[in-house]
Amino acid sequence: MVLDYKGKRLLAFSDTHGMHRKLSIPKGTDILICAGDVVSDFQENGLSDFFDWFSSCPAQLRLFVPGNHEIIFDLYPFKKK
Protein backbone atom coordinates (compact mmCIF):
# COMPACT_ATOMS: atom_id res chain seq x y z
CA MET A 1 0.00 0.00 0.00
CA VAL A 2 1.39 3.41 -0.98
CA LEU A 3 0.14 6.56 0.72
CA ASP A 4 1.01 10.20 0.29
CA TYR A 5 0.71 11.99 3.62
CA LYS A 6 1.77 15.55 4.36
CA GLY A 7 4.26 15.57 1.52
CA LYS A 8 5.76 12.19 2.44
CA ARG A 9 5.40 8.97 0.49
CA LEU A 10 4.71 5.98 2.74
CA LEU A 11 4.83 2.37 1.65
CA ALA A 12 3.48 -0.31 3.99
CA PHE A 13 3.54 -4.08 3.60
CA SER A 14 3.30 -7.27 5.64
CA ASP A 15 3.04 -11.04 5.35
CA THR A 16 5.76 -11.62 2.79
CA HIS A 17 6.66 -14.97 4.43
CA GLY A 18 10.13 -15.14 2.91
CA MET A 19 9.19 -13.61 -0.44
CA HIS A 20 10.35 -10.06 0.42
CA ARG A 21 12.97 -9.99 -2.36
CA LYS A 22 10.15 -10.13 -4.90
CA LEU A 23 8.87 -6.74 -3.69
CA SER A 24 9.79 -3.65 -5.61
CA ILE A 25 10.26 -0.61 -3.37
CA PRO A 26 9.95 2.56 -5.47
CA LYS A 27 12.63 5.21 -5.29
CA GLY A 28 11.30 8.29 -3.57
CA THR A 29 9.80 6.28 -0.71
CA ASP A 30 10.21 8.39 2.42
CA ILE A 31 8.88 5.95 5.01
CA LEU A 32 8.86 2.17 4.63
CA ILE A 33 6.74 0.21 7.12
CA CYS A 34 6.77 -3.55 7.52
CA ALA A 35 4.06 -4.95 9.76
CA GLY A 36 5.62 -8.35 10.28
CA ASP A 37 5.32 -11.95 9.21
CA VAL A 38 8.41 -11.73 7.02
CA VAL A 39 9.46 -15.34 7.66
CA SER A 40 7.44 -18.47 7.18
CA ASP A 41 9.39 -20.98 9.24
CA PHE A 42 10.09 -19.12 12.51
CA GLN A 43 13.83 -19.39 11.81
CA GLU A 44 16.42 -16.75 12.69
CA ASN A 45 18.31 -17.10 9.38
CA GLY A 46 15.21 -15.91 7.49
CA LEU A 47 15.19 -12.78 9.61
CA SER A 48 18.84 -12.11 8.79
CA ASP A 49 18.08 -12.25 5.10
CA PHE A 50 15.05 -10.01 5.54
CA PHE A 51 16.97 -7.36 7.51
CA ASP A 52 19.82 -7.38 4.97
CA TRP A 53 17.26 -6.69 2.25
CA PHE A 54 15.20 -4.22 4.33
CA SER A 55 18.23 -2.11 5.25
CA SER A 56 19.13 -1.75 1.57
CA CYS A 57 15.67 -0.53 0.53
CA PRO A 58 15.48 3.08 -0.69
CA ALA A 59 13.75 4.95 2.14
CA GLN A 60 14.64 7.71 4.55
CA LEU A 61 13.02 5.88 7.47
CA ARG A 62 12.29 2.16 7.89
CA LEU A 63 9.97 0.79 10.57
CA PHE A 64 9.57 -2.88 11.44
CA VAL A 65 6.92 -4.31 13.74
CA PRO A 66 7.33 -8.05 14.43
CA GLY A 67 4.42 -10.32 13.58
CA ASN A 68 3.43 -13.63 15.10
CA HIS A 69 5.95 -15.45 12.86
CA GLU A 70 8.82 -13.48 14.38
CA ILE A 71 8.50 -15.38 17.66
CA ILE A 72 12.26 -15.07 18.24
CA PHE A 73 11.66 -11.50 19.48
CA ASP A 74 9.50 -12.94 22.27
CA LEU A 75 11.88 -15.79 23.08
CA TYR A 76 15.06 -13.69 23.09
CA PRO A 77 14.08 -10.04 23.52
CA PHE A 78 17.62 -8.90 24.41
CA LYS A 79 19.71 -11.20 22.21
CA LYS A 80 22.75 -9.50 20.65
CA LYS A 81 24.84 -10.65 17.70
C-alpha atoms as a PDB file:
ATOM      1  CA  MET A   1       0.000   0.000   0.000  1.00  0.00           C
ATOM      2  CA  VAL A   2       1.386   3.407  -0.982  1.00  0.00           C
ATOM      3  CA  LEU A   3       0.138   6.564   0.716  1.00  0.00           C
ATOM      4  CA  ASP A   4       1.008  10.199   0.286  1.00  0.00           C
ATOM      5  CA  TYR A   5       0.713  11.989   3.619  1.00  0.00           C
ATOM      6  CA  LYS A   6       1.773  15.551   4.356  1.00  0.00           C
ATOM      7  CA  GLY A   7       4.258  15.566   1.519  1.00  0.00           C
ATOM      8  CA  LYS A   8       5.760  12.188   2.439  1.00  0.00           C
ATOM      9  CA  ARG A   9       5.402   8.973   0.492  1.00  0.00           C
ATOM     10  CA  LEU A  10       4.711   5.979   2.744  1.00  0.00           C
ATOM     11  CA  LEU A  11       4.826   2.370   1.650  1.00  0.00           C
ATOM     12  CA  ALA A  12       3.479  -0.310   3.989  1.00  0.00           C
ATOM     13  CA  PHE A  13       3.536  -4.082   3.598  1.00  0.00           C
ATOM     14  CA  SER A  14       3.298  -7.267   5.638  1.00  0.00           C
ATOM     15  CA  ASP A  15       3.038 -11.044   5.351  1.00  0.00           C
ATOM     16  CA  THR A  16       5.763 -11.617   2.794  1.00  0.00           C
ATOM     17  CA  HIS A  17       6.657 -14.971   4.434  1.00  0.00           C
ATOM     18  CA  GLY A  18      10.131 -15.139   2.913  1.00  0.00           C
ATOM     19  CA  MET A  19       9.188 -13.605  -0.439  1.00  0.00           C
ATOM     20  CA  HIS A  20      10.353 -10.058   0.418  1.00  0.00           C
ATOM     21  CA  ARG A  21      12.971  -9.995  -2.359  1.00  0.00           C
ATOM     22  CA  LYS A  22      10.146 -10.128  -4.896  1.00  0.00           C
ATOM     23  CA  LEU A  23       8.865  -6.742  -3.692  1.00  0.00           C
ATOM     24  CA  SER A  24       9.793  -3.647  -5.608  1.00  0.00           C
ATOM     25  CA  ILE A  25      10.263  -0.611  -3.370  1.00  0.00           C
ATOM     26  CA  PRO A  26       9.948   2.557  -5.466  1.00  0.00           C
ATOM     27  CA  LYS A  27      12.634   5.207  -5.291  1.00  0.00           C
ATOM     28  CA  GLY A  28      11.298   8.289  -3.570  1.00  0.00           C
ATOM     29  CA  THR A  29       9.798   6.284  -0.711  1.00  0.00           C
ATOM     30  CA  ASP A  30      10.214   8.393   2.416  1.00  0.00           C
ATOM     31  CA  ILE A  31       8.884   5.948   5.012  1.00  0.00           C
ATOM     32  CA  LEU A  32       8.857   2.167   4.634  1.00  0.00           C
ATOM     33  CA  ILE A  33       6.742   0.213   7.119  1.00  0.00           C
ATOM     34  CA  CYS A  34       6.770  -3.550   7.525  1.00  0.00           C
ATOM     35  CA  ALA A  35       4.055  -4.949   9.756  1.00  0.00           C
ATOM     36  CA  GLY A  36       5.621  -8.351  10.279  1.00  0.00           C
ATOM     37  CA  ASP A  37       5.323 -11.951   9.206  1.00  0.00           C
ATOM     38  CA  VAL A  38       8.409 -11.732   7.022  1.00  0.00           C
ATOM     39  CA  VAL A  39       9.457 -15.343   7.656  1.00  0.00           C
ATOM     40  CA  SER A  40       7.438 -18.468   7.185  1.00  0.00           C
ATOM     41  CA  ASP A  41       9.391 -20.975   9.236  1.00  0.00           C
ATOM     42  CA  PHE A  42      10.093 -19.116  12.506  1.00  0.00           C
ATOM     43  CA  GLN A  43      13.827 -19.386  11.806  1.00  0.00           C
ATOM     44  CA  GLU A  44      16.419 -16.754  12.691  1.00  0.00           C
ATOM     45  CA  ASN A  45      18.308 -17.105   9.382  1.00  0.00           C
ATOM     46  CA  GLY A  46      15.209 -15.914   7.487  1.00  0.00           C
ATOM     47  CA  LEU A  47      15.188 -12.777   9.609  1.00  0.00           C
ATOM     48  CA  SER A  48      18.838 -12.115   8.795  1.00  0.00           C
ATOM     49  CA  ASP A  49      18.081 -12.253   5.097  1.00  0.00           C
ATOM     50  CA  PHE A  50      15.046 -10.014   5.538  1.00  0.00           C
ATOM     51  CA  PHE A  51      16.968  -7.357   7.510  1.00  0.00           C
ATOM     52  CA  ASP A  52      19.823  -7.383   4.968  1.00  0.00           C
ATOM     53  CA  TRP A  53      17.261  -6.687   2.247  1.00  0.00           C
ATOM     54  CA  PHE A  54      15.202  -4.220   4.331  1.00  0.00           C
ATOM     55  CA  SER A  55      18.231  -2.110   5.246  1.00  0.00           C
ATOM     56  CA  SER A  56      19.130  -1.750   1.566  1.00  0.00           C
ATOM     57  CA  CYS A  57      15.671  -0.528   0.526  1.00  0.00           C
ATOM     58  CA  PRO A  58      15.480   3.084  -0.685  1.00  0.00           C
ATOM     59  CA  ALA A  59      13.746   4.949   2.138  1.00  0.00           C
ATOM     60  CA  GLN A  60      14.641   7.712   4.554  1.00  0.00           C
ATOM     61  CA  LEU A  61      13.022   5.877   7.467  1.00  0.00           C
ATOM     62  CA  ARG A  62      12.292   2.163   7.895  1.00  0.00           C
ATOM     63  CA  LEU A  63       9.974   0.787  10.571  1.00  0.00           C
ATOM     64  CA  PHE A  64       9.575  -2.882  11.437  1.00  0.00           C
ATOM     65  CA  VAL A  65       6.919  -4.308  13.737  1.00  0.00           C
ATOM     66  CA  PRO A  66       7.331  -8.053  14.428  1.00  0.00           C
ATOM     67  CA  GLY A  67       4.417 -10.316  13.584  1.00  0.00           C
ATOM     68  CA  ASN A  68       3.432 -13.635  15.097  1.00  0.00           C
ATOM     69  CA  HIS A  69       5.949 -15.451  12.862  1.00  0.00           C
ATOM     70  CA  GLU A  70       8.818 -13.477  14.377  1.00  0.00           C
ATOM     71  CA  ILE A  71       8.503 -15.380  17.665  1.00  0.00           C
ATOM     72  CA  ILE A  72      12.256 -15.066  18.241  1.00  0.00           C
ATOM     73  CA  PHE A  73      11.660 -11.500  19.480  1.00  0.00           C
ATOM     74  CA  ASP A  74       9.499 -12.940  22.266  1.00  0.00           C
ATOM     75  CA  LEU A  75      11.884 -15.789  23.077  1.00  0.00           C
ATOM     76  CA  TYR A  76      15.065 -13.685  23.087  1.00  0.00           C
ATOM     77  CA  PRO A  77      14.078 -10.040  23.524  1.00  0.00           C
ATOM     78  CA  PHE A  78      17.621  -8.902  24.413  1.00  0.00           C
ATOM     79  CA  LYS A  79      19.710 -11.197  22.213  1.00  0.00           C
ATOM     80  CA  LYS A  80      22.750  -9.503  20.654  1.00  0.00           C
ATOM     81  CA  LYS A  81      24.835 -10.650  17.696  1.00  0.00           C
END
